Amino acid sequence: MLAQNTAGNAVFEMSWGGGGGQNAQLYSPAPVAYGSGWHHLVGVYDGPAMMMYLYVDGVRVNALATTFSAFFAIQAPIRVSGTGGTLFPSHAVLDDARLYDRALSDAEVLALYNCAP
C-alpha cells in the first residue's frame, strides 16, 4: 500500500496474513509537499534480496530489510491509500498506477519519474 501518514510522510506498507501475519512499513524521512504539484511515489519489494524500497520523485528515500522469505500469491485487494490507524485516505489524483512482477532498479524508477507529467 502507498499512502501518507498524518504528518504528511509517504508510506509504503506490505502486510498479509491477518492479525497474526507479517507487516512492514517504510516512511519518507520528511513530509512530502503534496499540495505543491505532482509527486511520483514508488514502493518496491525485492523478494530475493528480502528488501523494501520507497522512492519519492525518482529518488530512493528509505530502505528496509524484511523477514519476508518469499513473495506470496496475492489473495487480498491491493490498496493505494490507507483506511485506518495512522494512515488516511489521500486527496491525491492517481495517474499511471502500475504493478510489476519483479523489483525495479533505481535506474528504472528514475526513468519512470522522468516520464511523469
C-alpha atoms as a PDB file:
ATOM      1  CA  MET A   1       0.000   0.000   0.000  1.00  0.00           C
ATOM      2  CA  LEU A   2       1.191   3.522  -0.764  1.00  0.00           C
ATOM      3  CA  ALA A   3      -0.303   6.207   1.461  1.00  0.00           C
ATOM      4  CA  GLN A   4       0.610   9.095   3.708  1.00  0.00           C
ATOM      5  CA  ASN A   5       0.533   9.440   7.472  1.00  0.00           C
ATOM      6  CA  THR A   6      -0.966  12.318   9.408  1.00  0.00           C
ATOM      7  CA  ALA A   7       2.397  14.158   9.352  1.00  0.00           C
ATOM      8  CA  GLY A   8       2.429  14.072   5.530  1.00  0.00           C
ATOM      9  CA  ASN A   9       5.175  11.466   5.128  1.00  0.00           C
ATOM     10  CA  ALA A  10       4.864   8.982   2.265  1.00  0.00           C
ATOM     11  CA  VAL A  11       4.341   5.409   3.497  1.00  0.00           C
ATOM     12  CA  PHE A  12       4.941   2.076   1.748  1.00  0.00           C
ATOM     13  CA  GLU A  13       3.397  -0.829   3.658  1.00  0.00           C
ATOM     14  CA  MET A  14       3.259  -4.528   2.954  1.00  0.00           C
ATOM     15  CA  SER A  15       1.182  -6.852   5.094  1.00  0.00           C
ATOM     16  CA  TRP A  16      -0.618 -10.135   4.823  1.00  0.00           C
ATOM     17  CA  GLY A  17      -1.928 -12.948   6.942  1.00  0.00           C
ATOM     18  CA  GLY A  18      -4.463 -11.036   9.024  1.00  0.00           C
ATOM     19  CA  GLY A  19      -3.859 -10.126  12.654  1.00  0.00           C
ATOM     20  CA  GLY A  20      -1.142 -12.748  13.110  1.00  0.00           C
ATOM     21  CA  GLY A  21       0.508 -12.086   9.749  1.00  0.00           C
ATOM     22  CA  GLN A  22       3.520 -10.139   8.666  1.00  0.00           C
ATOM     23  CA  ASN A  23       3.713  -6.368   8.325  1.00  0.00           C
ATOM     24  CA  ALA A  24       6.434  -3.883   7.367  1.00  0.00           C
ATOM     25  CA  GLN A  25       6.274  -0.118   6.815  1.00  0.00           C
ATOM     26  CA  LEU A  26       8.686   2.379   5.273  1.00  0.00           C
ATOM     27  CA  TYR A  27       8.315   6.140   5.743  1.00  0.00           C
ATOM     28  CA  SER A  28       9.828   9.031   3.831  1.00  0.00           C
ATOM     29  CA  PRO A  29      12.236  10.820   6.186  1.00  0.00           C
ATOM     30  CA  ALA A  30      10.422  14.129   5.637  1.00  0.00           C
ATOM     31  CA  PRO A  31       6.857  15.102   4.742  1.00  0.00           C
ATOM     32  CA  VAL A  32       6.084  15.330   1.038  1.00  0.00           C
ATOM     33  CA  ALA A  33       4.672  18.708  -0.064  1.00  0.00           C
ATOM     34  CA  TYR A  34       1.551  17.134  -1.558  1.00  0.00           C
ATOM     35  CA  GLY A  35      -0.093  20.478  -2.308  1.00  0.00           C
ATOM     36  CA  SER A  36       2.826  21.652  -4.451  1.00  0.00           C
ATOM     37  CA  GLY A  37       2.029  19.675  -7.605  1.00  0.00           C
ATOM     38  CA  TRP A  38       2.645  16.189  -8.946  1.00  0.00           C
ATOM     39  CA  HIS A  39       4.760  13.709  -6.979  1.00  0.00           C
ATOM     40  CA  HIS A  40       5.941  10.291  -8.094  1.00  0.00           C
ATOM     41  CA  LEU A  41       5.731   7.645  -5.335  1.00  0.00           C
ATOM     42  CA  VAL A  42       7.105   4.125  -5.833  1.00  0.00           C
ATOM     43  CA  GLY A  43       7.221   1.191  -3.446  1.00  0.00           C
ATOM     44  CA  VAL A  44       9.454  -1.728  -4.465  1.00  0.00           C
ATOM     45  CA  TYR A  45       9.644  -5.161  -2.856  1.00  0.00           C
ATOM     46  CA  ASP A  46      12.709  -7.216  -3.848  1.00  0.00           C
ATOM     47  CA  GLY A  47      11.862 -10.770  -2.737  1.00  0.00           C
ATOM     48  CA  PRO A  48      15.231 -12.453  -3.400  1.00  0.00           C
ATOM     49  CA  ALA A  49      17.061  -9.666  -1.521  1.00  0.00           C
ATOM     50  CA  MET A  50      14.295  -9.517   1.151  1.00  0.00           C
ATOM     51  CA  MET A  51      14.260  -5.689   0.874  1.00  0.00           C
ATOM     52  CA  MET A  52      11.625  -2.964   0.576  1.00  0.00           C
ATOM     53  CA  TYR A  53      12.393   0.423  -1.004  1.00  0.00           C
ATOM     54  CA  LEU A  54      10.466   3.716  -1.041  1.00  0.00           C
ATOM     55  CA  TYR A  55      11.069   6.341  -3.731  1.00  0.00           C
ATOM     56  CA  VAL A  56       9.792   9.922  -3.894  1.00  0.00           C
ATOM     57  CA  ASP A  57      10.181  11.775  -7.180  1.00  0.00           C
ATOM     58  CA  GLY A  58      12.665   9.241  -8.569  1.00  0.00           C
ATOM     59  CA  VAL A  59      14.962   9.189  -5.526  1.00  0.00           C
ATOM     60  CA  ARG A  60      15.225   6.297  -3.068  1.00  0.00           C
ATOM     61  CA  VAL A  61      14.425   7.831   0.314  1.00  0.00           C
ATOM     62  CA  ASN A  62      14.297   4.737   2.517  1.00  0.00           C
ATOM     63  CA  ALA A  63      15.035   1.006   2.552  1.00  0.00           C
ATOM     64  CA  LEU A  64      14.181  -1.804   4.941  1.00  0.00           C
ATOM     65  CA  ALA A  65      15.438  -5.372   5.273  1.00  0.00           C
ATOM     66  CA  THR A  66      12.442  -7.656   5.809  1.00  0.00           C
ATOM     67  CA  THR A  67      11.893 -11.135   7.152  1.00  0.00           C
ATOM     68  CA  PHE A  68       9.621 -11.947   4.207  1.00  0.00           C
ATOM     69  CA  SER A  69      11.375 -15.001   2.786  1.00  0.00           C
ATOM     70  CA  ALA A  70       9.291 -15.218  -0.367  1.00  0.00           C
ATOM     71  CA  PHE A  71       6.612 -13.224  -2.075  1.00  0.00           C
ATOM     72  CA  PHE A  72       3.100 -14.562  -1.835  1.00  0.00           C
ATOM     73  CA  ALA A  73       0.197 -15.135  -4.152  1.00  0.00           C
ATOM     74  CA  ILE A  74      -1.988 -12.057  -3.850  1.00  0.00           C
ATOM     75  CA  GLN A  75      -5.178 -13.070  -2.082  1.00  0.00           C
ATOM     76  CA  ALA A  76      -6.403  -9.655  -0.984  1.00  0.00           C
ATOM     77  CA  PRO A  77      -7.078  -6.334  -2.689  1.00  0.00           C
ATOM     78  CA  ILE A  78      -4.125  -4.075  -3.384  1.00  0.00           C
ATOM     79  CA  ARG A  79      -4.650  -0.719  -1.678  1.00  0.00           C
ATOM     80  CA  VAL A  80      -3.137   2.530  -2.796  1.00  0.00           C
ATOM     81  CA  SER A  81      -4.291   4.645   0.144  1.00  0.00           C
ATOM     82  CA  GLY A  82      -4.749   3.917   3.825  1.00  0.00           C
ATOM     83  CA  THR A  83      -8.090   3.469   5.507  1.00  0.00           C
ATOM     84  CA  GLY A  84      -7.354   3.446   9.220  1.00  0.00           C
ATOM     85  CA  GLY A  85      -4.852   3.673  12.023  1.00  0.00           C
ATOM     86  CA  THR A  86      -2.262   6.388  11.456  1.00  0.00           C
ATOM     87  CA  LEU A  87      -2.887   6.384   7.691  1.00  0.00           C
ATOM     88  CA  PHE A  88      -5.726   8.186   5.995  1.00  0.00           C
ATOM     89  CA  PRO A  89      -7.264   8.353   2.542  1.00  0.00           C
ATOM     90  CA  SER A  90      -5.284  10.610   0.264  1.00  0.00           C
ATOM     91  CA  HIS A  91      -6.748  13.562  -1.578  1.00  0.00           C
ATOM     92  CA  ALA A  92      -4.359  12.786  -4.419  1.00  0.00           C
ATOM     93  CA  VAL A  93      -5.267  12.151  -8.030  1.00  0.00           C
ATOM     94  CA  LEU A  94      -3.753   8.895  -9.256  1.00  0.00           C
ATOM     95  CA  ASP A  95      -2.205   8.688 -12.669  1.00  0.00           C
ATOM     96  CA  ASP A  96      -0.487   5.666 -14.198  1.00  0.00           C
ATOM     97  CA  ALA A  97      -0.611   3.185 -11.297  1.00  0.00           C
ATOM     98  CA  ARG A  98       1.465   0.102 -12.165  1.00  0.00           C
ATOM     99  CA  LEU A  99       2.236  -3.331 -10.754  1.00  0.00           C
ATOM    100  CA  TYR A 100       5.285  -5.328 -11.878  1.00  0.00           C
ATOM    101  CA  ASP A 101       6.203  -8.994 -11.439  1.00  0.00           C
ATOM    102  CA  ARG A 102       9.785  -8.091 -10.492  1.00  0.00           C
ATOM    103  CA  ALA A 103      11.659  -5.493  -8.474  1.00  0.00           C
ATOM    104  CA  LEU A 104      12.529  -2.302 -10.345  1.00  0.00           C
ATOM    105  CA  SER A 105      16.074  -0.949 -10.157  1.00  0.00           C
ATOM    106  CA  ASP A 106      16.957   2.583  -9.054  1.00  0.00           C
ATOM    107  CA  ALA A 107      17.595   3.476 -12.713  1.00  0.00           C
ATOM    108  CA  GLU A 108      14.191   2.137 -13.806  1.00  0.00           C
ATOM    109  CA  VAL A 109      12.378   4.100 -11.086  1.00  0.00           C
ATOM    110  CA  LEU A 110      14.240   7.278 -12.119  1.00  0.00           C
ATOM    111  CA  ALA A 111      13.362   6.658 -15.785  1.00  0.00           C
ATOM    112  CA  LEU A 112       9.682   6.305 -14.861  1.00  0.00           C
ATOM    113  CA  TYR A 113       9.845   9.546 -12.883  1.00  0.00           C
ATOM    114  CA  ASN A 114      11.424  11.369 -15.797  1.00  0.00           C
ATOM    115  CA  CYS A 115       8.464  10.292 -17.972  1.00  0.00           C
ATOM    116  CA  ALA A 116       5.931  11.727 -15.474  1.00  0.00           C
ATOM    117  CA  PRO A 117       3.788  14.746 -16.410  1.00  0.00           C
END
